């Protein structure tokens, strides 16, 4: 694991102190988002910071106590498609849980899912970049998420974790994501089980205990913060870039993520019913809490280096850093100690707007064809490389250990 140098630690000190105070104050703010704005339009209104996933958590804790997790992981490895029969030999309690957990909720809207498929087909390149950089790097300035990842197994296997995140983004973008032959429901449920595994073993880490300000990781609030870093952040980027979005396709895109939240174990009463409700919730649970942590800075450093492993020329550290600064802004880039690139940063700032307009058919002139092709080819190659991790089988498993560097 790459260590921070003394200069980096000293630079981070003041920023971490200020951000920590802001984060603590934000988390102390009473929960006021109304369940009337949720998908079912009702709920208890319980503060999600004090709610986890008790049904799944108790199940996974029981599997761990019985020593069955390694066997379960092996059995579930071949369970891939949404309506594929469950593997023989599963413990009865797990079999019953999976049977119930993979059922589509009554509020599923097939017409909206069809609109989501159209949206993903049109906007796949943009979404690949957003999921990869906006959401991926944003996770490093979400304090609870950064600490949970860093001290859990994910912190020791970042390439593997990115591959699993890529699978989630890839699966939801397929036309059959929620169909019987699709894979997204299974991917979500396996992720839900993995989250419960983290809740079971991460509190045993003295390193996480020392840094955490919560008794258990990955609360319902934490899950909604991560959720907003994906669809809500994507829609914010589309608006920021001036990308025209069909209203019905926008609603469909949201619906696909509403279902994703449901299958990840987020209570329906916390899932926003529309984009306005999503924005109001994000302003309460996401926007006030972002800030730097020592763990997040280290994770960002690892993410920037992952590009070197994929392609030494196209996805260099400098290009990834410039994209991060451009997508997330100067404040986040400065928190993460990502320098401004002398070539790529000005190029992105000058040419991105015209590129979007040309690509969307809103501008016929003003951008040289060669420059347009460079942007388009770069994004296309990035998405292909980012998703190339999916060429090898990816198995989302229940963790059995924390980061071995921090036992």
Protein backbone atom coordinates (compact mmCIF):
# COMPACT_ATOMS: atom_id res chain seq x y z
CA UNK A 1 0.00 0.00 0.00
CA UNK A 2 1.42 3.39 -0.96
CA UNK A 3 2.27 5.55 2.04
CA UNK A 4 1.68 9.29 2.24
CA UNK A 5 4.85 11.33 2.53
CA UNK A 6 5.48 13.83 5.33
CA UNK A 7 4.74 16.85 3.16
CA UNK A 8 1.35 15.40 2.11
CA UNK A 9 0.42 14.74 5.73
CA UNK A 10 1.33 18.29 6.76
CA UNK A 11 -0.63 19.76 3.83
CA UNK A 12 -3.66 17.69 4.75
CA UNK A 13 -3.72 18.64 8.42
CA UNK A 14 -5.50 21.99 8.33
CA UNK A 15 -7.95 20.92 5.64
CA UNK A 16 -8.82 17.75 7.52
CA UNK A 17 -9.47 19.64 10.71
CA UNK A 18 -11.83 22.11 9.06
CA UNK A 19 -13.61 19.44 7.04
CA UNK A 20 -13.98 17.26 10.13
CA UNK A 21 -15.74 20.06 12.00
CA UNK A 22 -18.07 20.68 9.07
CA UNK A 23 -18.83 16.96 8.71
CA UNK A 24 -19.60 16.57 12.40
CA UNK A 25 -21.92 19.56 12.30
CA UNK A 26 -23.67 18.30 9.19
CA UNK A 27 -24.23 14.85 10.69
CA UNK A 28 -25.64 16.44 13.83
CA UNK A 29 -28.34 18.14 11.75
CA UNK A 30 -31.73 16.51 12.44
CA UNK A 31 -33.15 14.35 9.67
CA UNK A 32 -35.97 16.33 8.08
CA UNK A 33 -36.51 14.72 4.66
CA UNK A 34 -40.13 13.60 4.52
CA UNK A 35 -41.09 10.03 3.53
CA UNK A 36 -44.00 11.66 1.69
CA UNK A 37 -41.42 12.40 -1.03
CA UNK A 38 -40.41 8.73 -1.30
CA UNK A 39 -41.51 6.10 -3.81
CA UNK A 40 -44.31 4.72 -1.56
CA UNK A 41 -45.18 8.22 -0.31
CA UNK A 42 -45.16 7.16 3.32
CA UNK A 43 -42.89 5.80 6.04
CA UNK A 44 -41.90 6.11 9.67
CA UNK A 45 -39.52 9.00 9.02
CA UNK A 46 -36.80 7.41 11.14
CA UNK A 47 -33.37 9.02 10.85
CA UNK A 48 -31.51 6.74 8.35
CA UNK A 49 -28.22 7.35 10.19
CA UNK A 50 -29.63 5.02 12.87
CA UNK A 51 -30.94 2.34 10.50
CA UNK A 52 -28.95 -0.40 8.79
CA UNK A 53 -30.20 -3.61 7.11
CA UNK A 54 -31.20 -5.83 10.05
CA UNK A 55 -32.67 -8.74 8.08
CA UNK A 56 -29.60 -9.19 5.91
CA UNK A 57 -27.18 -8.28 8.70
CA UNK A 58 -28.57 -10.92 11.05
CA UNK A 59 -28.46 -13.52 8.29
CA UNK A 60 -24.83 -12.84 7.37
CA UNK A 61 -23.79 -12.71 11.04
CA UNK A 62 -25.39 -16.12 11.52
CA UNK A 63 -23.62 -17.51 8.43
CA UNK A 64 -20.33 -16.20 9.80
CA UNK A 65 -20.87 -17.69 13.24
CA UNK A 66 -21.67 -21.06 11.63
CA UNK A 67 -18.52 -20.85 9.50
CA UNK A 68 -20.54 -21.07 6.27
CA UNK A 69 -19.45 -17.94 4.40
CA UNK A 70 -16.61 -19.55 2.39
CA UNK A 71 -18.96 -22.34 1.25
CA UNK A 72 -21.74 -19.85 0.47
CA UNK A 73 -19.38 -17.67 -1.58
CA UNK A 74 -18.36 -20.69 -3.61
CA UNK A 75 -21.98 -21.72 -4.22
CA UNK A 76 -23.12 -18.22 -5.19
CA UNK A 77 -20.26 -17.73 -7.65
CA UNK A 78 -22.26 -19.42 -10.38
CA UNK A 79 -25.52 -17.59 -9.56
CA UNK A 80 -25.55 -14.86 -12.20
CA UNK A 81 -28.93 -14.27 -13.87
CA UNK A 82 -31.96 -12.70 -12.22
CA UNK A 83 -34.32 -15.67 -12.46
CA UNK A 84 -31.67 -18.39 -12.51
CA UNK A 85 -32.51 -21.18 -10.04
CA UNK A 86 -30.72 -20.75 -6.75
CA UNK A 87 -27.73 -23.07 -6.27
CA UNK A 88 -28.40 -26.37 -4.56
CA UNK A 89 -26.96 -26.74 -1.11
CA UNK A 90 -27.52 -23.19 0.15
CA UNK A 91 -28.42 -22.89 3.84
CA UNK A 92 -32.20 -22.75 4.21
CA UNK A 93 -32.24 -19.29 5.77
CA UNK A 94 -30.12 -17.86 2.94
CA UNK A 95 -32.26 -19.62 0.31
CA UNK A 96 -35.42 -18.10 1.79
CA UNK A 97 -33.84 -14.65 1.97
CA UNK A 98 -32.66 -14.70 -1.65
CA UNK A 99 -36.02 -15.98 -2.89
CA UNK A 100 -37.75 -12.98 -1.33
CA UNK A 101 -35.01 -10.42 -1.98
CA UNK A 102 -34.95 -10.88 -5.75
CA UNK A 103 -38.66 -10.28 -6.32
CA UNK A 104 -39.50 -7.09 -8.20
CA UNK A 105 -41.47 -4.66 -6.01
CA UNK A 106 -45.09 -3.92 -6.84
CA UNK A 107 -44.19 -0.40 -7.95
CA UNK A 108 -41.99 -1.61 -10.84
CA UNK A 109 -42.90 0.19 -14.08
CA UNK A 110 -41.91 -1.70 -17.24
CA UNK A 111 -42.53 1.29 -19.50
CA UNK A 112 -40.09 3.36 -17.46
CA UNK A 113 -37.51 0.60 -17.67
CA UNK A 114 -37.86 0.65 -21.46
CA UNK A 115 -37.25 4.41 -21.38
CA UNK A 116 -34.20 3.83 -19.16
CA UNK A 117 -32.81 1.43 -21.75
CA UNK A 118 -33.16 4.12 -24.44
CA UNK A 119 -31.46 6.66 -22.19
CA UNK A 120 -28.54 4.34 -21.43
CA UNK A 121 -28.09 3.53 -25.10
CA UNK A 122 -27.87 7.23 -26.00
CA UNK A 123 -25.81 8.35 -23.03
CA UNK A 124 -23.63 5.31 -22.37
CA UNK A 125 -20.34 7.08 -23.09
CA UNK A 126 -21.15 9.99 -20.78
CA UNK A 127 -22.38 7.61 -18.07
CA UNK A 128 -19.20 5.54 -18.25
CA UNK A 129 -17.12 8.63 -17.60
CA UNK A 130 -19.44 9.84 -14.84
CA UNK A 131 -19.52 6.49 -13.05
CA UNK A 132 -15.76 6.17 -13.43
CA UNK A 133 -14.63 9.64 -12.38
CA UNK A 134 -17.43 11.71 -10.93
CA UNK A 135 -18.82 8.91 -8.75
CA UNK A 136 -15.61 6.96 -8.32
CA UNK A 137 -13.52 9.90 -7.20
CA UNK A 138 -16.39 11.51 -5.29
CA UNK A 139 -16.43 8.42 -3.06
CA UNK A 140 -12.97 9.40 -1.79
CA UNK A 141 -14.35 12.63 -0.29
CA UNK A 142 -17.33 10.93 1.34
CA UNK A 143 -15.82 10.36 4.81
CA UNK A 144 -17.83 7.32 5.92
CA UNK A 145 -17.39 5.58 2.58
CA UNK A 146 -13.69 6.37 2.34
CA UNK A 147 -12.99 4.96 5.79
CA UNK A 148 -15.16 1.88 5.26
CA UNK A 149 -13.43 1.09 1.98
CA UNK A 150 -9.92 1.81 3.22
CA UNK A 151 -10.03 -0.38 6.32
CA UNK A 152 -12.12 -3.19 4.79
CA UNK A 153 -10.96 -5.70 2.19
CA UNK A 154 -11.72 -3.18 -0.57
CA UNK A 155 -8.81 -1.01 0.56
CA UNK A 156 -6.40 -3.87 -0.06
CA UNK A 157 -7.80 -4.74 -3.48
CA UNK A 158 -8.78 -1.48 -5.17
CA UNK A 159 -8.64 -2.86 -8.71
CA UNK A 160 -10.99 -5.64 -7.67
CA UNK A 161 -13.32 -3.16 -5.98
CA UNK A 162 -13.37 -0.91 -9.06
CA UNK A 163 -14.18 -3.95 -11.19
CA UNK A 164 -17.18 -4.71 -9.00
CA UNK A 165 -18.33 -1.10 -9.13
CA UNK A 166 -17.91 -1.20 -12.91
CA UNK A 167 -20.10 -4.28 -13.03
CA UNK A 168 -22.88 -2.49 -11.17
CA UNK A 169 -22.71 0.42 -13.64
CA UNK A 170 -22.48 -1.93 -16.61
CA UNK A 171 -25.36 -4.17 -15.53
CA UNK A 172 -27.80 -1.33 -14.89
CA UNK A 173 -27.04 0.02 -18.36
CA UNK A 174 -28.03 -3.17 -20.17
CA UNK A 175 -31.41 -3.38 -21.88
CA UNK A 176 -32.35 -6.48 -19.86
CA UNK A 177 -31.03 -5.27 -16.51
CA UNK A 178 -34.17 -6.31 -14.59
CA UNK A 179 -35.38 -9.00 -17.00
CA UNK A 180 -35.20 -12.73 -16.18
CA UNK A 181 -32.02 -13.17 -18.26
CA UNK A 182 -30.40 -9.98 -16.95
CA UNK A 183 -27.83 -9.82 -14.16
CA UNK A 184 -28.44 -6.56 -12.33
CA UNK A 185 -30.77 -7.84 -9.60
CA UNK A 186 -28.28 -10.55 -8.68
CA UNK A 187 -25.41 -8.05 -8.71
CA UNK A 188 -27.35 -5.79 -6.32
CA UNK A 189 -28.25 -8.61 -3.93
CA UNK A 190 -24.68 -9.89 -3.82
CA UNK A 191 -23.57 -6.34 -3.06
CA UNK A 192 -26.17 -6.18 -0.29
CA UNK A 193 -24.76 -9.38 1.24
CA UNK A 194 -21.23 -7.96 0.94
CA UNK A 195 -22.32 -4.80 2.76
CA UNK A 196 -23.67 -6.92 5.60
CA UNK A 197 -20.37 -8.77 5.68
CA UNK A 198 -18.55 -5.45 6.07
CA UNK A 199 -20.90 -4.45 8.89
CA UNK A 200 -20.13 -7.74 10.63
CA UNK A 201 -16.33 -7.64 10.52
CA UNK A 202 -15.25 -4.00 10.03
CA UNK A 203 -16.24 -2.93 13.59
CA UNK A 204 -13.66 -5.46 14.80
CA UNK A 205 -10.90 -3.40 13.19
CA UNK A 206 -9.28 -1.14 15.83
CA UNK A 207 -8.12 1.14 13.00
CA UNK A 208 -11.67 1.72 11.76
CA UNK A 209 -12.91 2.10 15.35
CA UNK A 210 -10.32 4.78 15.97
CA UNK A 211 -11.29 6.82 12.90
CA UNK A 212 -15.05 6.21 12.69
CA UNK A 213 -17.77 8.39 14.17
CA UNK A 214 -20.47 5.72 13.82
CA UNK A 215 -21.03 2.45 15.63
CA UNK A 216 -21.66 0.45 12.45
CA UNK A 217 -20.63 1.21 8.87
CA UNK A 218 -22.91 1.54 5.83
CA UNK A 219 -26.10 2.86 7.42
CA UNK A 220 -29.17 3.60 5.32
CA UNK A 221 -27.95 7.21 5.19
CA UNK A 222 -24.52 6.08 3.98
CA UNK A 223 -26.12 3.97 1.27
CA UNK A 224 -28.24 6.91 0.11
CA UNK A 225 -25.14 9.13 0.02
CA UNK A 226 -23.46 6.61 -2.28
CA UNK A 227 -26.66 6.31 -4.32
CA UNK A 228 -26.72 10.07 -4.88
CA UNK A 229 -23.09 9.96 -6.00
CA UNK A 230 -24.32 7.91 -8.96
CA UNK A 231 -27.70 8.89 -10.54
CA UNK A 232 -28.13 12.29 -8.88
CA UNK A 233 -24.55 13.27 -9.68
CA UNK A 234 -25.01 12.02 -13.24
CA UNK A 235 -28.08 14.18 -13.77
CA UNK A 236 -26.28 17.16 -12.26
CA UNK A 237 -23.47 16.68 -14.74
CA UNK A 238 -25.89 16.48 -17.67
CA UNK A 239 -27.41 19.78 -16.60
CA UNK A 240 -23.99 21.33 -16.05
CA UNK A 241 -22.84 20.24 -19.52
CA UNK A 242 -26.07 21.32 -21.22
CA UNK A 243 -26.87 17.81 -22.46
CA UNK A 244 -30.52 17.71 -23.56
CA UNK A 245 -32.40 14.91 -21.82
CA UNK A 246 -35.82 13.63 -22.81
CA UNK A 247 -38.19 13.92 -19.85
CA UNK A 248 -39.56 10.38 -20.13
CA UNK A 249 -36.06 8.93 -20.48
CA UNK A 250 -34.90 10.93 -17.48
CA UNK A 251 -37.77 9.48 -15.44
CA UNK A 252 -36.88 6.02 -16.69
CA UNK A 253 -33.23 6.45 -15.72
CA UNK A 254 -34.32 7.47 -12.22
CA UNK A 255 -36.68 4.47 -12.02
CA UNK A 256 -33.87 2.05 -12.82
CA UNK A 257 -31.89 3.52 -9.93
CA UNK A 258 -34.93 3.46 -7.64
CA UNK A 259 -35.14 -0.28 -8.23
CA UNK A 260 -31.40 -0.57 -7.72
CA UNK A 261 -31.73 1.12 -4.33
CA UNK A 262 -34.50 -1.32 -3.40
CA UNK A 263 -32.43 -4.37 -4.32
CA UNK A 264 -29.40 -2.99 -2.47
CA UNK A 265 -31.47 -3.09 0.71
CA UNK A 266 -32.35 0.59 0.98
CA UNK A 267 -35.79 1.02 2.54
CA UNK A 268 -38.39 2.24 0.09
CA UNK A 269 -39.26 5.15 2.39
CA UNK A 270 -35.80 6.63 1.72
CA UNK A 271 -35.91 6.25 -2.07
CA UNK A 272 -36.85 9.57 -3.74
CA UNK A 273 -39.99 9.53 -5.86
CA UNK A 274 -38.76 12.04 -8.47
CA UNK A 275 -35.74 14.15 -9.36
CA UNK A 276 -36.88 17.13 -7.29
CA UNK A 277 -37.14 14.88 -4.24
CA UNK A 278 -33.75 13.37 -5.03
CA UNK A 279 -32.19 16.82 -5.17
CA UNK A 280 -33.75 17.85 -1.88
CA UNK A 281 -32.44 14.71 -0.20
CA UNK A 282 -28.97 15.04 -1.74
CA UNK A 283 -28.70 18.58 -0.42
CA UNK A 284 -29.23 17.19 3.08
CA UNK A 285 -27.28 13.90 3.07
CA UNK A 286 -24.57 14.35 0.41
CA UNK A 287 -23.58 17.95 -0.19
CA UNK A 288 -22.86 19.01 3.43
CA UNK A 289 -20.72 16.00 4.36
CA UNK A 290 -18.11 15.77 1.62
CA UNK A 291 -14.58 16.58 2.68
CA UNK A 292 -11.07 15.18 2.84
CA UNK A 293 -9.86 12.39 5.10
CA UNK A 294 -6.43 10.80 5.24
CA UNK A 295 -8.04 7.55 4.08
CA UNK A 296 -9.78 9.25 1.15
CA UNK A 297 -6.59 10.97 0.01
CA UNK A 298 -4.80 7.62 -0.07
CA UNK A 299 -7.67 5.96 -1.95
CA UNK A 300 -7.67 8.75 -4.55
CA UNK A 301 -3.95 8.25 -5.01
CA UNK A 302 -4.56 4.54 -5.65
CA UNK A 303 -7.35 5.30 -8.13
CA UNK A 304 -5.15 7.65 -10.12
CA UNK A 305 -2.52 4.93 -10.37
CA UNK A 306 -5.02 2.36 -11.64
CA UNK A 307 -4.98 4.06 -15.02
CA UNK A 308 -1.31 3.21 -15.39
CA UNK A 309 -2.17 -0.44 -15.03
CA UNK A 310 -4.75 -0.24 -17.81
CA UNK A 311 -2.91 1.81 -20.41
CA UNK A 312 0.43 3.55 -19.88
CA UNK A 313 -0.17 6.11 -22.63
CA UNK A 314 -3.87 6.90 -22.75
CA UNK A 315 -4.85 6.76 -19.10
CA UNK A 316 -1.80 8.29 -17.48
CA UNK A 317 -2.00 9.69 -13.97
CA UNK A 318 -1.96 13.25 -15.33
CA UNK A 319 -4.92 12.71 -17.62
CA UNK A 320 -6.93 11.06 -14.85
CA UNK A 321 -6.06 13.89 -12.51
CA UNK A 322 -7.10 16.52 -15.04
CA UNK A 323 -10.41 14.75 -15.61
CA UNK A 324 -11.04 14.57 -11.88
CA UNK A 325 -10.32 18.29 -11.41
CA UNK A 326 -12.52 19.20 -14.37
CA UNK A 327 -15.42 16.95 -13.38
CA UNK A 328 -15.44 17.57 -9.61
CA UNK A 329 -13.96 21.06 -9.38
CA UNK A 330 -10.92 22.71 -7.86
CA UNK A 331 -11.93 22.27 -4.23
CA UNK A 332 -12.24 18.48 -4.42
CA UNK A 333 -9.05 18.19 -6.50
CA UNK A 334 -7.18 20.34 -3.98
CA UNK A 335 -8.50 18.25 -1.09
CA UNK A 336 -7.10 15.18 -2.83
CA UNK A 337 -3.79 16.92 -3.68
CA UNK A 338 -4.35 16.51 -7.41
CA UNK A 339 -2.31 19.17 -9.25
CA UNK A 340 -3.63 21.20 -12.14
CA UNK A 341 -2.26 19.74 -15.37
CA UNK A 342 -0.66 22.34 -17.68
CA UNK A 343 -1.91 20.69 -20.90
CA UNK A 344 -4.99 18.61 -20.19
CA UNK A 345 -6.70 20.97 -17.72
CA UNK A 346 -6.84 23.97 -20.11
CA UNK A 347 -7.84 21.69 -22.98
CA UNK A 348 -10.78 20.25 -21.08
CA UNK A 349 -11.89 23.68 -19.90
CA UNK A 350 -11.76 25.18 -23.40
CA UNK A 351 -13.05 22.36 -25.53
CA UNK A 352 -15.49 20.34 -23.42
CA UNK A 353 -18.46 22.70 -23.93
CA UNK A 354 -18.12 22.83 -27.72
CA UNK A 355 -17.49 19.08 -27.79
CA UNK A 356 -20.79 18.42 -26.01
CA UNK A 357 -22.62 20.79 -28.38
CA UNK A 358 -21.11 19.15 -31.47
CA UNK A 359 -21.86 15.66 -30.17
CA UNK A 360 -25.45 16.61 -29.38
CA UNK A 361 -25.97 18.25 -32.78
CA UNK A 362 -26.33 21.71 -31.26
CA UNK A 363 -23.29 23.23 -32.97
CA UNK A 364 -22.10 22.77 -36.54
CA UNK A 365 -18.89 24.78 -36.36
CA UNK A 366 -16.48 26.15 -33.78
CA UNK A 367 -14.58 22.98 -32.99
CA UNK A 368 -12.00 21.45 -35.33
CA UNK A 369 -13.04 17.95 -36.47
CA UNK A 370 -9.69 16.59 -35.31
CA UNK A 371 -10.22 17.93 -31.77
CA UNK A 372 -13.77 16.56 -31.71
CA UNK A 373 -12.49 13.14 -32.79
CA UNK A 374 -9.79 13.26 -30.09
CA UNK A 375 -12.34 13.82 -27.35
CA UNK A 376 -14.76 11.24 -28.66
CA UNK A 377 -12.07 8.61 -29.16
CA UNK A 378 -10.61 9.28 -25.74
CA UNK A 379 -13.96 8.85 -24.02
CA UNK A 380 -14.79 5.78 -26.05
CA UNK A 381 -11.45 4.16 -25.26
CA UNK A 382 -11.74 5.11 -21.60
CA UNK A 383 -15.15 3.47 -21.25
CA UNK A 384 -13.90 0.37 -23.05
CA UNK A 385 -10.81 0.17 -20.85
CA UNK A 386 -12.75 0.88 -17.67
CA UNK A 387 -15.26 -1.81 -18.54
CA UNK A 388 -12.54 -4.19 -19.77
CA UNK A 389 -12.32 -5.48 -16.22
CA UNK A 390 -15.65 -7.16 -17.00
CA UNK A 391 -13.99 -9.48 -19.51
CA UNK A 392 -12.85 -11.67 -16.65
CA UNK A 393 -15.41 -13.26 -14.31
CA UNK A 394 -16.23 -10.93 -11.42
CA UNK A 395 -17.48 -12.52 -8.25
CA UNK A 396 -18.98 -10.25 -5.62
CA UNK A 397 -18.49 -12.11 -2.36
CA UNK A 398 -19.20 -11.73 1.33
CA UNK A 399 -15.89 -10.59 2.87
CA UNK A 400 -14.25 -12.75 5.49
CA UNK A 401 -11.50 -10.33 6.49
CA UNK A 402 -10.64 -6.65 6.69
CA UNK A 403 -7.73 -4.93 4.99
CA UNK A 404 -4.84 -7.21 5.98
CA UNK A 405 -2.60 -4.16 6.34
CA UNK A 406 -4.92 -3.00 9.17
CA UNK A 407 -6.04 -6.03 11.11
